[in-house]
């Protein structure tokens, strides 16, 4: 509940106005905001009460199984009946349009992308995956879905490596990989490689080829 509002930023016709209000009652604050909103065209005027969010505009995050997204805006989406703040997420390596995710979201996992140092260590580990016992452990299919949804880059890399091992073993027997496994490795690769490419500021296709070379080694 807002009893005292210390400040309000308002962007009106490209002019920034700063209101410093002391001991301002909630009903007065809401009335001003209502008048400002109703007397302007939606999309041309934005007002944002001074708030702090977990993520910021222009920040890259990992969202669910969509992968890396960039936060283009924080506010109320152009959907009737919604009066809460949402993140406007633009998938970086997907053709999907804007995704609206509630700021107070407890259904779909969302986190910041990993740091560059962590990413470099991850790539080095992929280079040496042939000798990495942990990455070469077999995974029961019942765990695939859980690992994909974990947003854990180590689990994703383990899954990609394990599925490549299965693919290589089946190729030796002149058999194709199961369609379910093909779908799973495609999803895991998109999530893992997409985040690495975003962190390293590299082309997604080039990074995918590089990581495939590392993780598919016999």
N, C-alpha and C. Protein backbone atom coordinates (compact mmCIF):
# COMPACT_ATOMS: atom_id res chain seq x y z
N UNK A 1 0.85 -1.19 0.00
CA UNK A 1 0.00 0.00 0.00
C UNK A 1 0.88 1.24 0.00
N UNK A 2 0.50 2.23 -0.76
CA UNK A 2 1.30 3.45 -0.86
C UNK A 2 0.68 4.52 0.03
N UNK A 3 1.39 4.91 1.07
CA UNK A 3 0.93 6.00 1.92
C UNK A 3 1.73 7.27 1.61
N UNK A 4 3.03 7.11 1.47
CA UNK A 4 3.90 8.24 1.16
C UNK A 4 4.67 7.92 -0.10
N UNK A 5 4.53 8.73 -1.11
CA UNK A 5 5.22 8.52 -2.37
C UNK A 5 6.36 9.52 -2.46
N UNK A 6 7.59 9.06 -2.52
CA UNK A 6 8.74 9.96 -2.56
C UNK A 6 8.98 10.53 -3.95
N UNK A 7 8.67 9.72 -4.97
CA UNK A 7 8.96 10.27 -6.29
C UNK A 7 8.23 9.54 -7.39
N UNK A 8 8.04 10.18 -8.48
CA UNK A 8 7.38 9.58 -9.63
C UNK A 8 8.03 10.13 -10.89
N UNK A 9 8.49 9.22 -11.74
CA UNK A 9 9.02 9.65 -13.05
C UNK A 9 7.91 9.51 -14.08
N UNK A 10 7.79 10.46 -14.90
CA UNK A 10 6.77 10.39 -15.95
C UNK A 10 7.37 10.86 -17.26
N UNK A 11 7.21 10.04 -18.29
CA UNK A 11 7.68 10.42 -19.61
C UNK A 11 6.48 10.90 -20.40
N UNK A 12 6.44 12.19 -20.70
CA UNK A 12 5.28 12.76 -21.36
C UNK A 12 5.75 13.55 -22.57
N UNK A 13 5.35 13.06 -23.77
CA UNK A 13 5.72 13.71 -25.02
C UNK A 13 7.23 13.98 -25.07
N UNK A 14 8.00 12.97 -24.73
CA UNK A 14 9.47 13.00 -24.79
C UNK A 14 10.09 13.97 -23.79
N UNK A 15 9.29 14.49 -22.83
CA UNK A 15 9.81 15.38 -21.80
C UNK A 15 9.76 14.66 -20.46
N UNK A 16 10.90 14.64 -19.75
CA UNK A 16 10.94 13.97 -18.46
C UNK A 16 10.61 14.94 -17.36
N UNK A 17 9.60 14.62 -16.59
CA UNK A 17 9.16 15.48 -15.50
C UNK A 17 9.35 14.72 -14.20
N UNK A 18 9.95 15.33 -13.24
CA UNK A 18 10.16 14.66 -11.96
C UNK A 18 9.26 15.28 -10.90
N UNK A 19 8.42 14.46 -10.31
CA UNK A 19 7.53 14.91 -9.25
C UNK A 19 8.09 14.46 -7.91
N UNK A 20 8.33 15.40 -7.02
CA UNK A 20 8.76 15.05 -5.67
C UNK A 20 7.60 15.37 -4.74
N UNK A 21 7.00 14.33 -4.18
CA UNK A 21 5.78 14.51 -3.42
C UNK A 21 5.98 13.97 -2.01
N UNK A 22 5.65 14.76 -1.02
CA UNK A 22 5.77 14.30 0.36
C UNK A 22 4.38 14.15 0.97
N UNK A 23 4.25 13.10 1.80
CA UNK A 23 2.99 12.87 2.51
C UNK A 23 1.79 12.91 1.57
N UNK A 24 1.94 12.17 0.45
CA UNK A 24 0.90 12.18 -0.58
C UNK A 24 -0.03 11.00 -0.36
N UNK A 25 -1.32 11.23 -0.31
CA UNK A 25 -2.26 10.15 -0.05
C UNK A 25 -2.45 9.30 -1.29
N UNK A 26 -2.71 8.02 -1.07
CA UNK A 26 -2.82 7.05 -2.16
C UNK A 26 -3.87 7.47 -3.17
N UNK A 27 -5.05 7.94 -2.70
CA UNK A 27 -6.14 8.26 -3.64
C UNK A 27 -5.75 9.39 -4.59
N UNK A 28 -4.96 10.35 -4.08
CA UNK A 28 -4.52 11.46 -4.93
C UNK A 28 -3.52 10.99 -5.98
N UNK A 29 -2.60 10.12 -5.53
CA UNK A 29 -1.61 9.57 -6.46
C UNK A 29 -2.28 8.78 -7.58
N UNK A 30 -3.26 7.93 -7.20
CA UNK A 30 -3.94 7.10 -8.20
C UNK A 30 -4.74 7.96 -9.17
N UNK A 31 -5.31 9.04 -8.69
CA UNK A 31 -6.10 9.92 -9.55
C UNK A 31 -5.21 10.58 -10.59
N UNK A 32 -4.03 11.06 -10.17
CA UNK A 32 -3.10 11.69 -11.13
C UNK A 32 -2.68 10.70 -12.20
N UNK A 33 -2.33 9.49 -11.78
CA UNK A 33 -1.91 8.47 -12.73
C UNK A 33 -3.03 8.12 -13.69
N UNK A 34 -4.26 8.02 -13.16
CA UNK A 34 -5.41 7.71 -14.01
C UNK A 34 -5.62 8.79 -15.06
N UNK A 35 -5.55 10.06 -14.66
CA UNK A 35 -5.73 11.17 -15.59
C UNK A 35 -4.64 11.20 -16.65
N UNK A 36 -3.40 10.95 -16.21
CA UNK A 36 -2.29 10.94 -17.15
C UNK A 36 -2.47 9.85 -18.19
N UNK A 37 -2.93 8.70 -17.73
CA UNK A 37 -3.06 7.54 -18.63
C UNK A 37 -4.23 7.70 -19.59
N UNK A 38 -5.36 8.14 -19.06
CA UNK A 38 -6.57 8.23 -19.87
C UNK A 38 -6.53 9.35 -20.90
N UNK A 39 -5.71 10.37 -20.66
CA UNK A 39 -5.63 11.50 -21.58
C UNK A 39 -4.47 11.42 -22.56
N UNK A 40 -3.93 10.25 -22.70
CA UNK A 40 -2.83 10.06 -23.65
C UNK A 40 -3.07 8.79 -24.44
N UNK A 41 -2.36 8.65 -25.53
CA UNK A 41 -2.48 7.47 -26.35
C UNK A 41 -1.58 6.37 -25.81
N UNK A 42 -2.16 5.19 -25.63
CA UNK A 42 -1.39 4.07 -25.13
C UNK A 42 -0.22 3.80 -26.06
N UNK A 43 0.97 3.63 -25.51
CA UNK A 43 2.14 3.37 -26.32
C UNK A 43 2.99 4.60 -26.53
N UNK A 44 2.37 5.78 -26.40
CA UNK A 44 3.13 7.01 -26.59
C UNK A 44 3.56 7.62 -25.25
N UNK A 45 2.80 7.29 -24.22
CA UNK A 45 3.12 7.82 -22.91
C UNK A 45 3.34 6.67 -21.96
N UNK A 46 4.42 6.71 -21.27
CA UNK A 46 4.73 5.66 -20.31
C UNK A 46 4.99 6.32 -18.96
N UNK A 47 4.41 5.77 -17.93
CA UNK A 47 4.72 6.27 -16.61
C UNK A 47 5.10 5.08 -15.76
N UNK A 48 6.10 5.25 -14.92
CA UNK A 48 6.56 4.13 -14.10
C UNK A 48 6.84 4.62 -12.70
N UNK A 49 6.11 4.10 -11.75
CA UNK A 49 6.40 4.43 -10.36
C UNK A 49 7.80 3.93 -10.04
N UNK A 50 8.52 4.65 -9.22
CA UNK A 50 9.89 4.27 -8.88
C UNK A 50 9.88 2.93 -8.16
N UNK A 51 10.31 1.86 -8.82
CA UNK A 51 10.33 0.52 -8.26
C UNK A 51 11.63 -0.16 -8.60
N UNK A 52 11.89 -1.22 -7.86
CA UNK A 52 13.08 -2.03 -8.17
C UNK A 52 12.60 -3.39 -8.65
N UNK A 53 13.25 -3.91 -9.68
CA UNK A 53 12.90 -5.21 -10.24
C UNK A 53 14.12 -6.12 -10.18
N UNK A 54 13.85 -7.41 -10.23
CA UNK A 54 14.94 -8.37 -10.20
C UNK A 54 15.81 -8.24 -11.45
N UNK A 55 15.16 -7.95 -12.60
CA UNK A 55 15.87 -7.79 -13.86
C UNK A 55 15.58 -6.41 -14.44
N UNK A 56 16.46 -5.96 -15.33
CA UNK A 56 16.33 -4.62 -15.89
C UNK A 56 16.11 -4.67 -17.40
N UNK A 57 15.63 -3.57 -17.94
CA UNK A 57 15.44 -3.44 -19.39
C UNK A 57 16.80 -3.59 -20.09
N UNK A 58 16.79 -4.30 -21.21
CA UNK A 58 17.98 -4.60 -22.02
C UNK A 58 18.84 -5.74 -21.46
N UNK A 59 18.45 -6.26 -20.31
CA UNK A 59 19.19 -7.38 -19.73
C UNK A 59 18.80 -8.68 -20.43
N UNK A 60 19.75 -9.57 -20.60
CA UNK A 60 19.48 -10.89 -21.17
C UNK A 60 19.26 -11.89 -20.04
N UNK A 61 18.22 -12.69 -20.20
CA UNK A 61 17.87 -13.69 -19.19
C UNK A 61 17.58 -15.02 -19.88
N UNK A 62 17.54 -16.08 -19.09
CA UNK A 62 17.11 -17.38 -19.59
C UNK A 62 15.70 -17.61 -19.07
N UNK A 63 14.77 -17.85 -20.00
CA UNK A 63 13.36 -17.98 -19.63
C UNK A 63 12.84 -19.38 -19.98
N UNK A 64 12.50 -20.15 -18.95
CA UNK A 64 11.94 -21.48 -19.16
C UNK A 64 12.74 -22.32 -20.14
N UNK A 65 12.03 -22.98 -21.05
CA UNK A 65 12.70 -23.76 -22.09
C UNK A 65 12.73 -22.99 -23.41
N UNK A 66 12.39 -21.70 -23.34
CA UNK A 66 12.51 -20.85 -24.53
C UNK A 66 13.98 -20.52 -24.76
N UNK A 67 14.71 -20.30 -23.67
CA UNK A 67 16.13 -19.96 -23.78
C UNK A 67 16.39 -18.50 -23.54
N UNK A 68 17.43 -17.98 -24.17
CA UNK A 68 17.87 -16.60 -23.93
C UNK A 68 16.87 -15.60 -24.52
N UNK A 69 16.47 -14.66 -23.67
CA UNK A 69 15.57 -13.57 -24.10
C UNK A 69 16.15 -12.24 -23.63
N UNK A 70 15.80 -11.19 -24.33
CA UNK A 70 16.19 -9.85 -23.90
C UNK A 70 14.96 -9.11 -23.40
N UNK A 71 15.10 -8.45 -22.27
CA UNK A 71 13.99 -7.70 -21.71
C UNK A 71 13.88 -6.36 -22.42
N UNK A 72 12.84 -6.20 -23.19
CA UNK A 72 12.67 -4.98 -23.98
C UNK A 72 11.95 -3.88 -23.22
N UNK A 73 11.12 -4.30 -22.26
CA UNK A 73 10.32 -3.31 -21.54
C UNK A 73 9.78 -3.96 -20.27
N UNK A 74 9.45 -3.14 -19.30
CA UNK A 74 8.79 -3.62 -18.08
C UNK A 74 7.57 -2.74 -17.86
N UNK A 75 6.42 -3.36 -17.78
CA UNK A 75 5.20 -2.58 -17.59
C UNK A 75 3.98 -3.43 -17.82
N UNK A 76 2.88 -2.78 -18.11
CA UNK A 76 1.63 -3.50 -18.33
C UNK A 76 1.47 -3.82 -19.81
N UNK A 77 1.24 -5.09 -20.14
CA UNK A 77 1.08 -5.46 -21.55
C UNK A 77 -0.24 -4.96 -22.12
N UNK A 78 -0.31 -4.84 -23.44
CA UNK A 78 -1.54 -4.34 -24.07
C UNK A 78 -2.63 -5.42 -24.13
N UNK A 79 -2.97 -5.93 -22.96
CA UNK A 79 -3.99 -6.98 -22.86
C UNK A 79 -5.03 -6.53 -21.85
N UNK A 80 -6.27 -6.56 -22.25
CA UNK A 80 -7.35 -6.09 -21.40
C UNK A 80 -7.44 -6.91 -20.12
N UNK A 81 -7.61 -6.21 -19.02
CA UNK A 81 -7.81 -6.88 -17.74
C UNK A 81 -6.54 -7.11 -16.94
N UNK A 82 -5.38 -6.83 -17.52
CA UNK A 82 -4.12 -7.03 -16.80
C UNK A 82 -3.67 -5.70 -16.20
N UNK A 83 -3.48 -5.70 -14.89
CA UNK A 83 -3.10 -4.45 -14.21
C UNK A 83 -1.82 -4.62 -13.40
N UNK A 84 -1.03 -5.65 -13.73
CA UNK A 84 0.24 -5.87 -13.04
C UNK A 84 1.40 -5.71 -14.02
N UNK A 85 2.58 -5.53 -13.47
CA UNK A 85 3.76 -5.35 -14.31
C UNK A 85 4.28 -6.68 -14.85
N UNK A 86 4.70 -6.63 -16.10
CA UNK A 86 5.23 -7.81 -16.78
C UNK A 86 6.57 -7.47 -17.41
N UNK A 87 7.40 -8.50 -17.59
CA UNK A 87 8.59 -8.36 -18.41
C UNK A 87 8.18 -8.61 -19.86
N UNK A 88 8.62 -7.75 -20.78
CA UNK A 88 8.39 -7.96 -22.20
C UNK A 88 9.65 -8.65 -22.74
N UNK A 89 9.57 -9.94 -23.00
CA UNK A 89 10.74 -10.73 -23.37
C UNK A 89 10.77 -11.02 -24.87
N UNK A 90 11.89 -10.69 -25.48
CA UNK A 90 12.10 -10.99 -26.90
C UNK A 90 13.11 -12.13 -27.00
N UNK A 91 12.68 -13.34 -27.44
CA UNK A 91 13.63 -14.45 -27.61
C UNK A 91 14.74 -14.05 -28.58
N UNK A 92 15.98 -14.33 -28.21
CA UNK A 92 17.13 -13.92 -29.02
C UNK A 92 17.36 -14.87 -30.19
N UNK A 93 17.17 -16.17 -29.96
CA UNK A 93 17.45 -17.15 -31.01
C UNK A 93 16.19 -17.93 -31.37
N UNK A 94 15.09 -17.22 -31.49
CA UNK A 94 13.83 -17.88 -31.80
C UNK A 94 12.98 -16.91 -32.59
N UNK A 95 12.05 -17.44 -33.38
CA UNK A 95 11.17 -16.59 -34.19
C UNK A 95 9.92 -16.18 -33.44
N UNK A 96 9.79 -16.63 -32.20
CA UNK A 96 8.62 -16.27 -31.42
C UNK A 96 8.58 -14.76 -31.22
N UNK A 97 7.35 -14.24 -31.07
CA UNK A 97 7.20 -12.82 -30.81
C UNK A 97 7.46 -12.52 -29.34
N UNK A 98 6.98 -11.36 -28.89
CA UNK A 98 7.18 -10.94 -27.52
C UNK A 98 6.46 -11.89 -26.56
N UNK A 99 7.15 -12.25 -25.49
CA UNK A 99 6.57 -13.08 -24.44
C UNK A 99 6.35 -12.19 -23.23
N UNK A 100 5.16 -12.24 -22.65
CA UNK A 100 4.86 -11.47 -21.46
C UNK A 100 4.97 -12.37 -20.24
N UNK A 101 5.87 -12.00 -19.34
CA UNK A 101 6.07 -12.79 -18.13
C UNK A 101 5.85 -11.91 -16.91
N UNK A 102 4.95 -12.31 -16.00
CA UNK A 102 4.71 -11.49 -14.81
C UNK A 102 5.99 -11.24 -14.01
N UNK A 103 6.16 -10.02 -13.54
CA UNK A 103 7.31 -9.71 -12.70
C UNK A 103 7.30 -10.61 -11.46
N UNK A 104 6.13 -10.80 -10.90
CA UNK A 104 5.97 -11.70 -9.76
C UNK A 104 5.59 -13.07 -10.30
N UNK A 105 6.55 -13.74 -10.89
CA UNK A 105 6.30 -15.02 -11.57
C UNK A 105 6.87 -16.17 -10.75
N UNK A 106 6.02 -17.15 -10.44
CA UNK A 106 6.49 -18.32 -9.70
C UNK A 106 6.16 -19.61 -10.44
N UNK A 107 5.86 -19.48 -11.73
CA UNK A 107 5.50 -20.66 -12.52
C UNK A 107 6.59 -21.05 -13.50
N UNK A 108 7.16 -20.08 -14.19
CA UNK A 108 8.20 -20.35 -15.18
C UNK A 108 9.53 -19.81 -14.66
N UNK A 109 10.56 -20.66 -14.68
CA UNK A 109 11.88 -20.24 -14.19
C UNK A 109 12.48 -19.16 -15.09
N UNK A 110 13.06 -18.16 -14.46
CA UNK A 110 13.75 -17.11 -15.19
C UNK A 110 14.98 -16.71 -14.37
N UNK A 111 16.11 -16.61 -15.02
CA UNK A 111 17.35 -16.26 -14.32
C UNK A 111 18.26 -15.45 -15.25
N UNK A 112 19.26 -14.82 -14.64
CA UNK A 112 20.25 -14.09 -15.43
C UNK A 112 21.13 -15.09 -16.17
N UNK A 113 21.71 -14.67 -17.29
CA UNK A 113 22.63 -15.56 -18.00
C UNK A 113 23.93 -15.68 -17.21
N UNK A 114 24.66 -16.75 -17.46
CA UNK A 114 25.90 -17.00 -16.72
C UNK A 114 26.96 -15.96 -17.09
N UNK A 115 27.98 -15.84 -16.26
CA UNK A 115 29.06 -14.90 -16.53
C UNK A 115 30.04 -15.45 -17.55
N UNK A 116 30.88 -14.57 -18.07
CA UNK A 116 31.82 -14.96 -19.13
C UNK A 116 32.86 -15.95 -18.61
N UNK A 117 33.35 -15.76 -17.38
CA UNK A 117 34.34 -16.69 -16.82
C UNK A 117 33.77 -18.10 -16.71
N UNK A 118 32.53 -18.19 -16.24
CA UNK A 118 31.86 -19.48 -16.14
C UNK A 118 31.70 -20.11 -17.51
N UNK A 119 31.38 -19.28 -18.49
CA UNK A 119 31.17 -19.75 -19.86
C UNK A 119 32.47 -20.31 -20.46
N UNK A 120 33.56 -19.63 -20.22
CA UNK A 120 34.86 -20.08 -20.74
C UNK A 120 35.23 -21.44 -20.13
N UNK A 121 34.98 -21.59 -18.83
CA UNK A 121 35.25 -22.87 -18.17
C UNK A 121 34.36 -23.98 -18.73
N UNK A 122 33.14 -23.61 -19.06
CA UNK A 122 32.18 -24.57 -19.62
C UNK A 122 32.66 -25.05 -21.00
N UNK A 123 33.13 -24.13 -21.82
CA UNK A 123 33.63 -24.49 -23.15
C UNK A 123 34.88 -25.37 -23.03
N UNK A 124 35.77 -25.04 -22.09
CA UNK A 124 36.97 -25.85 -21.87
C UNK A 124 36.60 -27.26 -21.44
N UNK A 125 35.58 -27.38 -20.62
CA UNK A 125 35.15 -28.71 -20.18
C UNK A 125 34.57 -29.51 -21.35
N UNK A 126 33.85 -28.81 -22.22
CA UNK A 126 33.31 -29.49 -23.40
C UNK A 126 34.43 -29.99 -24.30
N UNK A 127 35.50 -29.20 -24.41
CA UNK A 127 36.66 -29.61 -25.23
C UNK A 127 37.25 -30.93 -24.75
N UNK A 128 37.20 -31.14 -23.45
CA UNK A 128 37.82 -32.33 -22.85
C UNK A 128 36.79 -33.35 -22.37
N UNK A 129 35.63 -33.32 -22.99
CA UNK A 129 34.54 -34.18 -22.52
C UNK A 129 34.83 -35.67 -22.67
N UNK A 130 35.70 -36.03 -23.59
CA UNK A 130 36.00 -37.45 -23.82
C UNK A 130 36.58 -38.09 -22.57
N UNK A 131 37.34 -37.32 -21.79
CA UNK A 131 37.98 -37.85 -20.59
C UNK A 131 37.21 -37.51 -19.32
N UNK A 132 36.07 -36.85 -19.48
CA UNK A 132 35.28 -36.42 -18.33
C UNK A 132 34.27 -37.51 -17.95
N UNK A 133 34.56 -38.22 -16.88
CA UNK A 133 33.71 -39.34 -16.47
C UNK A 133 32.28 -38.90 -16.16
N UNK A 134 32.15 -37.76 -15.49
CA UNK A 134 30.82 -37.28 -15.11
C UNK A 134 29.96 -36.99 -16.34
N UNK A 135 30.56 -36.36 -17.36
CA UNK A 135 29.80 -36.04 -18.57
C UNK A 135 29.47 -37.27 -19.40
N UNK A 136 30.20 -38.35 -19.20
CA UNK A 136 29.96 -39.56 -19.98
C UNK A 136 29.10 -40.60 -19.25
N UNK A 137 28.63 -40.25 -18.07
CA UNK A 137 27.71 -41.15 -17.37
C UNK A 137 26.39 -41.23 -18.14
N UNK A 138 25.86 -42.43 -18.20
CA UNK A 138 24.58 -42.62 -18.89
C UNK A 138 23.46 -42.00 -18.07
N UNK A 139 22.45 -41.54 -18.77
CA UNK A 139 21.30 -40.90 -18.12
C UNK A 139 20.03 -41.68 -18.46
N UNK A 140 19.24 -42.00 -17.46
CA UNK A 140 17.98 -42.69 -17.72
C UNK A 140 17.02 -41.72 -18.42
N UNK A 141 16.31 -42.18 -19.43
CA UNK A 141 15.39 -41.30 -20.18
C UNK A 141 14.36 -40.58 -19.30
N UNK A 142 14.04 -41.14 -18.15
CA UNK A 142 13.05 -40.51 -17.27
C UNK A 142 13.55 -39.18 -16.71
N UNK A 143 14.86 -38.94 -16.81
CA UNK A 143 15.45 -37.72 -16.27
C UNK A 143 15.61 -36.62 -17.33
N UNK A 144 15.41 -36.97 -18.59
CA UNK A 144 15.64 -36.01 -19.67
C UNK A 144 14.86 -34.72 -19.47
N UNK A 145 13.56 -34.84 -19.26
CA UNK A 145 12.70 -33.67 -19.16
C UNK A 145 13.10 -32.79 -17.98
N UNK A 146 13.40 -33.42 -16.87
CA UNK A 146 13.82 -32.69 -15.67
C UNK A 146 15.10 -31.91 -15.92
N UNK A 147 16.04 -32.51 -16.63
CA UNK A 147 17.32 -31.86 -16.89
C UNK A 147 17.16 -30.69 -17.86
N UNK A 148 16.31 -30.84 -18.85
CA UNK A 148 16.07 -29.75 -19.80
C UNK A 148 15.45 -28.54 -19.11
N UNK A 149 14.55 -28.80 -18.17
CA UNK A 149 13.86 -27.72 -17.48
C UNK A 149 14.66 -27.12 -16.32
N UNK A 150 15.78 -27.73 -15.99
CA UNK A 150 16.56 -27.31 -14.83
C UNK A 150 17.23 -25.95 -15.00
N UNK A 151 17.50 -25.54 -16.22
CA UNK A 151 18.27 -24.33 -16.54
C UNK A 151 19.69 -24.41 -15.98
N UNK A 152 20.15 -25.61 -15.69
CA UNK A 152 21.50 -25.84 -15.18
C UNK A 152 22.40 -26.18 -16.37
N UNK A 153 23.38 -25.33 -16.65
CA UNK A 153 24.21 -25.52 -17.84
C UNK A 153 25.04 -26.81 -17.78
N UNK A 154 25.44 -27.24 -16.59
CA UNK A 154 26.20 -28.49 -16.46
C UNK A 154 25.30 -29.67 -16.78
N UNK A 155 24.08 -29.65 -16.28
CA UNK A 155 23.14 -30.73 -16.58
C UNK A 155 22.80 -30.77 -18.06
N UNK A 156 22.66 -29.60 -18.66
CA UNK A 156 22.36 -29.54 -20.09
C UNK A 156 23.52 -30.10 -20.91
N UNK A 157 24.75 -29.76 -20.53
CA UNK A 157 25.90 -30.26 -21.26
C UNK A 157 26.03 -31.78 -21.08
N UNK A 158 25.76 -32.26 -19.87
CA UNK A 158 25.77 -33.70 -19.62
C UNK A 158 24.75 -34.40 -20.50
N UNK A 159 23.57 -33.81 -20.60
CA UNK A 159 22.50 -34.41 -21.41
C UNK A 159 22.88 -34.43 -22.89
N UNK A 160 23.43 -33.33 -23.38
CA UNK A 160 23.85 -33.28 -24.79
C UNK A 160 24.92 -34.32 -25.06
N UNK A 161 25.90 -34.41 -24.19
CA UNK A 161 26.97 -35.40 -24.36
C UNK A 161 26.42 -36.82 -24.32
N UNK A 162 25.54 -37.10 -23.37
CA UNK A 162 24.96 -38.45 -23.24
C UNK A 162 24.16 -38.83 -24.48
N UNK A 163 23.42 -37.89 -25.02
CA UNK A 163 22.61 -38.18 -26.21
C UNK A 163 23.48 -38.33 -27.45
N UNK A 164 24.56 -37.57 -27.53
CA UNK A 164 25.51 -37.76 -28.63
C UNK A 164 26.15 -39.15 -28.55
N UNK A 165 26.44 -39.60 -27.33
CA UNK A 165 27.00 -40.95 -27.17
C UNK A 165 26.03 -42.01 -27.67
N UNK A 166 24.75 -41.81 -27.35
CA UNK A 166 23.73 -42.74 -27.83
C UNK A 166 23.66 -42.71 -29.35
N UNK A 167 23.69 -41.50 -29.90
CA UNK A 167 23.64 -41.36 -31.37
C UNK A 167 24.82 -42.05 -32.04
N UNK A 168 26.01 -41.88 -31.45
CA UNK A 168 27.22 -42.51 -32.01
C UNK A 168 27.15 -44.04 -31.92
N UNK A 169 26.65 -44.53 -30.80
CA UNK A 169 26.53 -45.99 -30.62
C UNK A 169 25.55 -46.59 -31.62
N UNK A 170 24.45 -45.91 -31.83
CA UNK A 170 23.44 -46.41 -32.78
C UNK A 170 23.95 -46.33 -34.22
N UNK A 171 24.75 -45.31 -34.50
CA UNK A 171 25.32 -45.17 -35.85
C UNK A 171 26.25 -46.33 -36.17
N UNK A 172 26.96 -46.82 -35.16
CA UNK A 172 27.85 -47.97 -35.37
C UNK A 172 27.07 -49.21 -35.76
N UNK A 173 25.83 -49.27 -35.30
CA UNK A 173 24.96 -50.41 -35.62
C UNK A 173 24.05 -50.12 -36.80
N UNK A 174 24.35 -49.01 -37.48
CA UNK A 174 23.58 -48.57 -38.65
C UNK A 174 22.10 -48.35 -38.30
N UNK A 175 21.88 -47.82 -37.12
CA UNK A 175 20.53 -47.50 -36.67
C UNK A 175 20.42 -46.00 -36.41
N UNK A 176 19.22 -45.50 -36.63
CA UNK A 176 18.99 -44.09 -36.39
C UNK A 176 18.63 -43.84 -34.92
N UNK A 177 18.83 -42.60 -34.52
CA UNK A 177 18.46 -42.19 -33.18
C UNK A 177 16.94 -42.11 -33.06
N UNK A 178 16.41 -42.45 -31.91
CA UNK A 178 14.96 -42.38 -31.72
C UNK A 178 14.49 -40.93 -31.87
N UNK A 179 13.29 -40.77 -32.38
CA UNK A 179 12.77 -39.42 -32.63
C UNK A 179 12.65 -38.62 -31.33
N UNK A 180 12.27 -39.29 -30.24
CA UNK A 180 12.15 -38.60 -28.95
C UNK A 180 13.51 -38.08 -28.49
N UNK A 181 14.55 -38.89 -28.69
CA UNK A 181 15.90 -38.46 -28.33
C UNK A 181 16.38 -37.32 -29.21
N UNK A 182 16.00 -37.37 -30.48
CA UNK A 182 16.36 -36.28 -31.41
C UNK A 182 15.74 -34.95 -30.96
N UNK A 183 14.48 -35.01 -30.55
CA UNK A 183 13.81 -33.80 -30.08
C UNK A 183 14.46 -33.27 -28.80
N UNK A 184 14.83 -34.20 -27.92
CA UNK A 184 15.42 -33.80 -26.64
C UNK A 184 16.79 -33.16 -26.83
N UNK A 185 17.62 -33.75 -27.70
CA UNK A 185 18.95 -33.18 -27.90
C UNK A 185 18.86 -31.83 -28.62
N UNK A 186 17.87 -31.68 -29.48
CA UNK A 186 17.69 -30.40 -30.17
C UNK A 186 17.34 -29.29 -29.16
N UNK A 187 16.46 -29.61 -28.21
CA UNK A 187 16.07 -28.63 -27.19
C UNK A 187 17.24 -28.30 -26.27
N UNK A 188 17.95 -29.33 -25.81
CA UNK A 188 19.08 -29.13 -24.91
C UNK A 188 20.18 -28.31 -25.59
N UNK A 189 20.44 -28.60 -26.86
CA UNK A 189 21.46 -27.86 -27.61
C UNK A 189 21.06 -26.39 -27.74
N UNK A 190 19.81 -26.14 -28.06
CA UNK A 190 19.34 -24.76 -28.23
C UNK A 190 19.53 -23.96 -26.94
N UNK A 191 19.17 -24.57 -25.81
CA UNK A 191 19.29 -23.87 -24.53
C UNK A 191 20.75 -23.63 -24.14
N UNK A 192 21.57 -24.67 -24.28
CA UNK A 192 22.97 -24.58 -23.89
C UNK A 192 23.77 -23.68 -24.83
N UNK A 193 23.70 -23.98 -26.12
CA UNK A 193 24.49 -23.24 -27.09
C UNK A 193 24.02 -21.80 -27.21
N UNK A 194 22.72 -21.59 -27.08
CA UNK A 194 22.19 -20.23 -27.17
C UNK A 194 22.72 -19.34 -26.07
N UNK A 195 22.78 -19.88 -24.86
CA UNK A 195 23.29 -19.08 -23.74
C UNK A 195 24.78 -18.81 -23.90
N UNK A 196 25.53 -19.83 -24.32
CA UNK A 196 26.97 -19.65 -24.52
C UNK A 196 27.23 -18.60 -25.60
N UNK A 197 26.50 -18.68 -26.70
CA UNK A 197 26.66 -17.71 -27.79
C UNK A 197 26.34 -16.29 -27.33
N UNK A 198 25.28 -16.15 -26.53
CA UNK A 198 24.90 -14.83 -26.04
C UNK A 198 25.96 -14.25 -25.11
N UNK A 199 26.48 -15.09 -24.21
CA UNK A 199 27.49 -14.62 -23.26
C UNK A 199 28.79 -14.25 -23.98
N UNK A 200 29.19 -15.08 -24.93
CA UNK A 200 30.45 -14.84 -25.64
C UNK A 200 30.29 -13.86 -26.80
N UNK A 201 29.04 -13.43 -27.04
CA UNK A 201 28.73 -12.51 -28.14
C UNK A 201 29.21 -13.09 -29.48
N UNK A 202 28.87 -14.35 -29.70
CA UNK A 202 29.26 -15.06 -30.91
C UNK A 202 28.02 -15.44 -31.72
N UNK A 203 28.23 -15.75 -32.99
CA UNK A 203 27.15 -16.20 -33.85
C UNK A 203 26.64 -17.56 -33.36
N UNK A 204 25.32 -17.69 -33.26
CA UNK A 204 24.73 -18.92 -32.73
C UNK A 204 25.09 -20.14 -33.57
N UNK A 205 25.01 -20.02 -34.89
CA UNK A 205 25.31 -21.15 -35.77
C UNK A 205 26.77 -21.59 -35.63
N UNK A 206 27.67 -20.63 -35.61
CA UNK A 206 29.09 -20.94 -35.47
C UNK A 206 29.38 -21.59 -34.12
N UNK A 207 28.74 -21.07 -33.06
CA UNK A 207 28.94 -21.64 -31.73
C UNK A 207 28.36 -23.04 -31.64
N UNK A 208 27.25 -23.27 -32.31
CA UNK A 208 26.63 -24.61 -32.31
C UNK A 208 27.55 -25.63 -32.97
N UNK A 209 28.14 -25.25 -34.09
CA UNK A 209 29.06 -26.15 -34.79
C UNK A 209 30.28 -26.46 -33.92
N UNK A 210 30.79 -25.43 -33.26
CA UNK A 210 31.96 -25.60 -32.40
C UNK A 210 31.65 -26.54 -31.24
N UNK A 211 30.54 -26.32 -30.56
CA UNK A 211 30.18 -27.14 -29.41
C UNK A 211 29.81 -28.57 -29.83
N UNK A 212 29.18 -28.71 -30.99
CA UNK A 212 28.87 -30.06 -31.50
C UNK A 212 30.17 -30.84 -31.74
N UNK A 213 31.16 -30.18 -32.28
CA UNK A 213 32.45 -30.84 -32.52
C UNK A 213 33.07 -31.34 -31.23
N UNK A 214 32.92 -30.55 -30.18
CA UNK A 214 33.48 -30.95 -28.88
C UNK A 214 32.69 -32.11 -28.26
N UNK A 215 31.37 -31.93 -28.20
CA UNK A 215 30.53 -32.86 -27.42
C UNK A 215 30.14 -34.14 -28.16
N UNK A 216 30.34 -34.17 -29.47
CA UNK A 216 29.99 -35.38 -30.22
C UNK A 216 31.19 -36.27 -30.50
N UNK A 217 32.36 -35.87 -29.98
CA UNK A 217 33.58 -36.63 -30.25
C UNK A 217 33.45 -38.08 -29.77
N UNK A 218 33.97 -39.01 -30.56
CA UNK A 218 33.92 -40.44 -30.20
C UNK A 218 34.96 -40.76 -29.16
